[in-house]
């Protein structure tokens, strides 16, 4: 993945900037909508303002789940020490505390079913899935059951999100930064 060219021959530059490796196959993502970008930006700004010093948020960085799977979630909460390495192109599951996927029409199947299963199997403790509800975000919050390595839904949040883990987070979903 790190050796893919920045553009395809006779193609657009940045062609490989939104590609994931899923079970050994390259999956190209469609361009983001403005709503998708605004939601990711707003959530990352609000969460970063509340995160403890030993953690940080990053966006559009890969998580390497194995030799054949490398996903690129919309937002991650990772160990601050891992984020200090400016040469990194991916993080490992043991460095990741929260994964956030903002669902787009073209990514529904991957973001609702495939990716959560892979993150859970890798042992990532917290997963948020953000859906569009008439131009307003709805956040589905999941926590890992370590015995089954699957996620259990712990809440569905409209308007306001308030959770105690992975640390206390309070977000006004209707007033995210733009």
Protein backbone atom coordinates (compact mmCIF):
# COMPACT_ATOMS: atom_id res chain seq x y z
CA UNK A 1 0.00 0.00 0.00
CA UNK A 2 2.79 2.43 0.84
CA UNK A 3 4.37 1.87 -2.58
CA UNK A 4 1.30 2.59 -4.72
CA UNK A 5 1.90 5.45 -7.16
CA UNK A 6 0.21 8.78 -6.47
CA UNK A 7 -1.55 8.62 -9.82
CA UNK A 8 -2.49 6.05 -12.40
CA UNK A 9 -0.93 6.25 -15.89
CA UNK A 10 -2.82 8.84 -17.94
CA UNK A 11 -5.15 9.28 -14.98
CA UNK A 12 -5.99 11.67 -12.23
CA UNK A 13 -3.48 12.64 -9.59
CA UNK A 14 -4.23 11.35 -6.10
CA UNK A 15 -6.02 8.33 -7.59
CA UNK A 16 -4.78 6.11 -4.77
CA UNK A 17 -5.45 8.53 -1.91
CA UNK A 18 -8.77 6.89 -1.00
CA UNK A 19 -8.03 3.20 -1.41
CA UNK A 20 -8.29 0.39 1.14
CA UNK A 21 -7.00 -3.16 1.18
CA UNK A 22 -9.81 -5.53 2.14
CA UNK A 23 -9.08 -9.25 2.15
CA UNK A 24 -6.29 -8.71 -0.38
CA UNK A 25 -8.37 -6.63 -2.82
CA UNK A 26 -7.95 -2.90 -3.46
CA UNK A 27 -11.20 -1.03 -2.91
CA UNK A 28 -11.46 2.51 -4.27
CA UNK A 29 -13.74 4.90 -2.40
CA UNK A 30 -15.98 7.39 -4.17
CA UNK A 31 -15.43 11.11 -3.55
CA UNK A 32 -16.82 12.40 -0.24
CA UNK A 33 -19.92 14.56 -0.06
CA UNK A 34 -19.70 17.91 1.69
CA UNK A 35 -21.96 16.53 4.46
CA UNK A 36 -19.56 13.62 4.98
CA UNK A 37 -16.52 15.91 5.13
CA UNK A 38 -18.25 18.39 7.45
CA UNK A 39 -19.30 15.60 9.83
CA UNK A 40 -15.78 14.14 10.00
CA UNK A 41 -14.26 17.59 10.50
CA UNK A 42 -16.77 18.59 13.19
CA UNK A 43 -16.51 15.35 15.15
CA UNK A 44 -12.71 15.35 15.06
CA UNK A 45 -12.51 18.96 16.30
CA UNK A 46 -14.96 18.40 19.17
CA UNK A 47 -13.46 15.06 20.26
CA UNK A 48 -9.89 16.38 20.03
CA UNK A 49 -10.83 19.25 22.38
CA UNK A 50 -11.93 16.70 25.02
CA UNK A 51 -9.33 13.97 24.58
CA UNK A 52 -6.89 13.22 27.44
CA UNK A 53 -3.21 14.05 26.89
CA UNK A 54 -2.21 10.42 26.24
CA UNK A 55 -4.58 10.16 23.24
CA UNK A 56 -5.18 12.12 20.04
CA UNK A 57 -7.51 12.05 17.07
CA UNK A 58 -6.47 11.63 13.46
CA UNK A 59 -8.50 11.49 10.27
CA UNK A 60 -8.11 9.41 7.12
CA UNK A 61 -5.18 7.36 8.44
CA UNK A 62 -4.94 3.61 7.87
CA UNK A 63 -5.28 0.81 10.40
CA UNK A 64 -3.37 -2.31 9.43
CA UNK A 65 -5.42 -5.27 10.58
CA UNK A 66 -3.27 -7.92 8.95
CA UNK A 67 -1.23 -8.73 5.88
CA UNK A 68 -4.31 -8.60 3.60
CA UNK A 69 -6.44 -5.92 5.30
CA UNK A 70 -5.66 -2.26 5.74
CA UNK A 71 -8.66 0.00 6.31
CA UNK A 72 -8.87 3.78 6.28
CA UNK A 73 -11.52 4.93 8.77
CA UNK A 74 -12.83 8.48 8.74
CA UNK A 75 -11.54 9.18 12.26
CA UNK A 76 -9.38 7.36 14.80
CA UNK A 77 -8.51 7.96 18.40
CA UNK A 78 -4.99 6.66 18.94
CA UNK A 79 -2.15 6.73 21.44
CA UNK A 80 -0.53 10.18 21.36
CA UNK A 81 2.92 8.54 21.28
CA UNK A 82 2.03 6.74 18.04
CA UNK A 83 0.86 10.02 16.49
CA UNK A 84 4.20 11.67 17.28
CA UNK A 85 5.88 9.60 14.56
CA UNK A 86 5.41 11.78 11.47
CA UNK A 87 6.62 9.05 9.10
CA UNK A 88 3.77 6.68 9.99
CA UNK A 89 1.32 5.70 7.26
CA UNK A 90 -0.77 3.31 9.39
CA UNK A 91 -1.50 2.36 12.97
CA UNK A 92 -1.93 -1.07 14.53
CA UNK A 93 -5.06 -2.18 16.42
CA UNK A 94 -3.26 -2.06 19.79
CA UNK A 95 -2.66 1.70 19.24
CA UNK A 96 -6.31 2.42 18.36
CA UNK A 97 -8.95 3.15 21.00
CA UNK A 98 -11.86 4.33 18.84
CA UNK A 99 -12.74 4.04 15.16
CA UNK A 100 -15.37 6.27 13.54
CA UNK A 101 -16.93 5.56 10.16
CA UNK A 102 -19.27 8.09 8.53
CA UNK A 103 -21.57 6.15 6.22
CA UNK A 104 -22.01 7.30 2.62
CA UNK A 105 -24.42 5.72 0.12
CA UNK A 106 -21.56 3.96 -1.69
CA UNK A 107 -19.98 2.68 1.55
CA UNK A 108 -23.08 1.43 3.40
CA UNK A 109 -22.29 -2.28 3.17
CA UNK A 110 -18.63 -1.84 4.13
CA UNK A 111 -19.29 0.66 6.96
CA UNK A 112 -22.29 -1.18 8.45
CA UNK A 113 -21.17 -4.80 8.20
CA UNK A 114 -17.70 -5.56 6.89
CA UNK A 115 -15.54 -2.96 8.65
CA UNK A 116 -17.09 -3.23 12.14
CA UNK A 117 -16.57 -7.00 12.06
CA UNK A 118 -12.92 -6.55 11.08
CA UNK A 119 -12.28 -3.89 13.75
CA UNK A 120 -13.90 -6.10 16.41
CA UNK A 121 -11.91 -9.18 15.36
CA UNK A 122 -8.75 -7.06 15.69
CA UNK A 123 -9.70 -6.12 19.27
CA UNK A 124 -10.42 -2.39 18.83
CA UNK A 125 -12.52 -1.54 21.90
CA UNK A 126 -14.81 1.21 20.57
CA UNK A 127 -16.56 1.84 17.25
CA UNK A 128 -18.92 4.65 16.19
CA UNK A 129 -20.99 4.51 13.02
CA UNK A 130 -22.38 7.87 11.93
CA UNK A 131 -25.41 7.97 9.64
CA UNK A 132 -27.13 10.85 7.87
CA UNK A 133 -30.65 11.53 9.14
CA UNK A 134 -32.00 14.31 6.95
CA UNK A 135 -28.76 16.29 7.06
CA UNK A 136 -28.19 15.67 10.78
CA UNK A 137 -25.82 13.06 12.20
CA UNK A 138 -27.00 10.06 14.20
CA UNK A 139 -24.23 8.20 16.02
CA UNK A 140 -24.47 4.47 16.75
CA UNK A 141 -22.02 3.66 19.56
CA UNK A 142 -20.57 0.16 19.97
CA UNK A 143 -18.32 -1.46 22.54
CA UNK A 144 -16.30 -4.63 22.10
CA UNK A 145 -17.35 -7.80 23.92
CA UNK A 146 -13.90 -9.34 24.49
CA UNK A 147 -15.31 -12.84 24.94
CA UNK A 148 -16.92 -12.96 21.47
CA UNK A 149 -14.78 -10.31 19.71
CA UNK A 150 -17.97 -8.69 18.41
CA UNK A 151 -19.49 -5.28 19.01
CA UNK A 152 -22.58 -4.63 21.12
CA UNK A 153 -24.54 -1.44 20.57
CA UNK A 154 -24.44 0.72 23.71
CA UNK A 155 -26.45 3.67 22.38
CA UNK A 156 -28.02 5.49 19.46
CA UNK A 157 -27.51 9.24 19.75
CA UNK A 158 -29.59 11.98 18.11
CA UNK A 159 -28.86 15.62 18.89
CA UNK A 160 -26.50 14.96 21.79
CA UNK A 161 -23.88 12.28 22.32
CA UNK A 162 -22.65 11.66 25.83
CA UNK A 163 -20.53 8.60 26.61
CA UNK A 164 -18.28 7.62 29.52
CA UNK A 165 -15.83 5.51 27.46
CA UNK A 166 -13.16 5.47 26.15
CA UNK A 167 -13.21 8.67 28.26
CA UNK A 168 -16.08 11.09 29.04
CA UNK A 169 -17.17 12.71 25.77
CA UNK A 170 -20.05 15.18 25.33
CA UNK A 171 -20.98 16.36 21.83
CA UNK A 172 -23.82 18.56 20.58
CA UNK A 173 -24.38 16.74 17.28
CA UNK A 174 -26.67 19.49 15.99
CA UNK A 175 -23.96 22.13 16.42
CA UNK A 176 -20.76 20.56 15.09
CA UNK A 177 -18.05 22.95 13.85
CA UNK A 178 -18.17 23.51 10.12
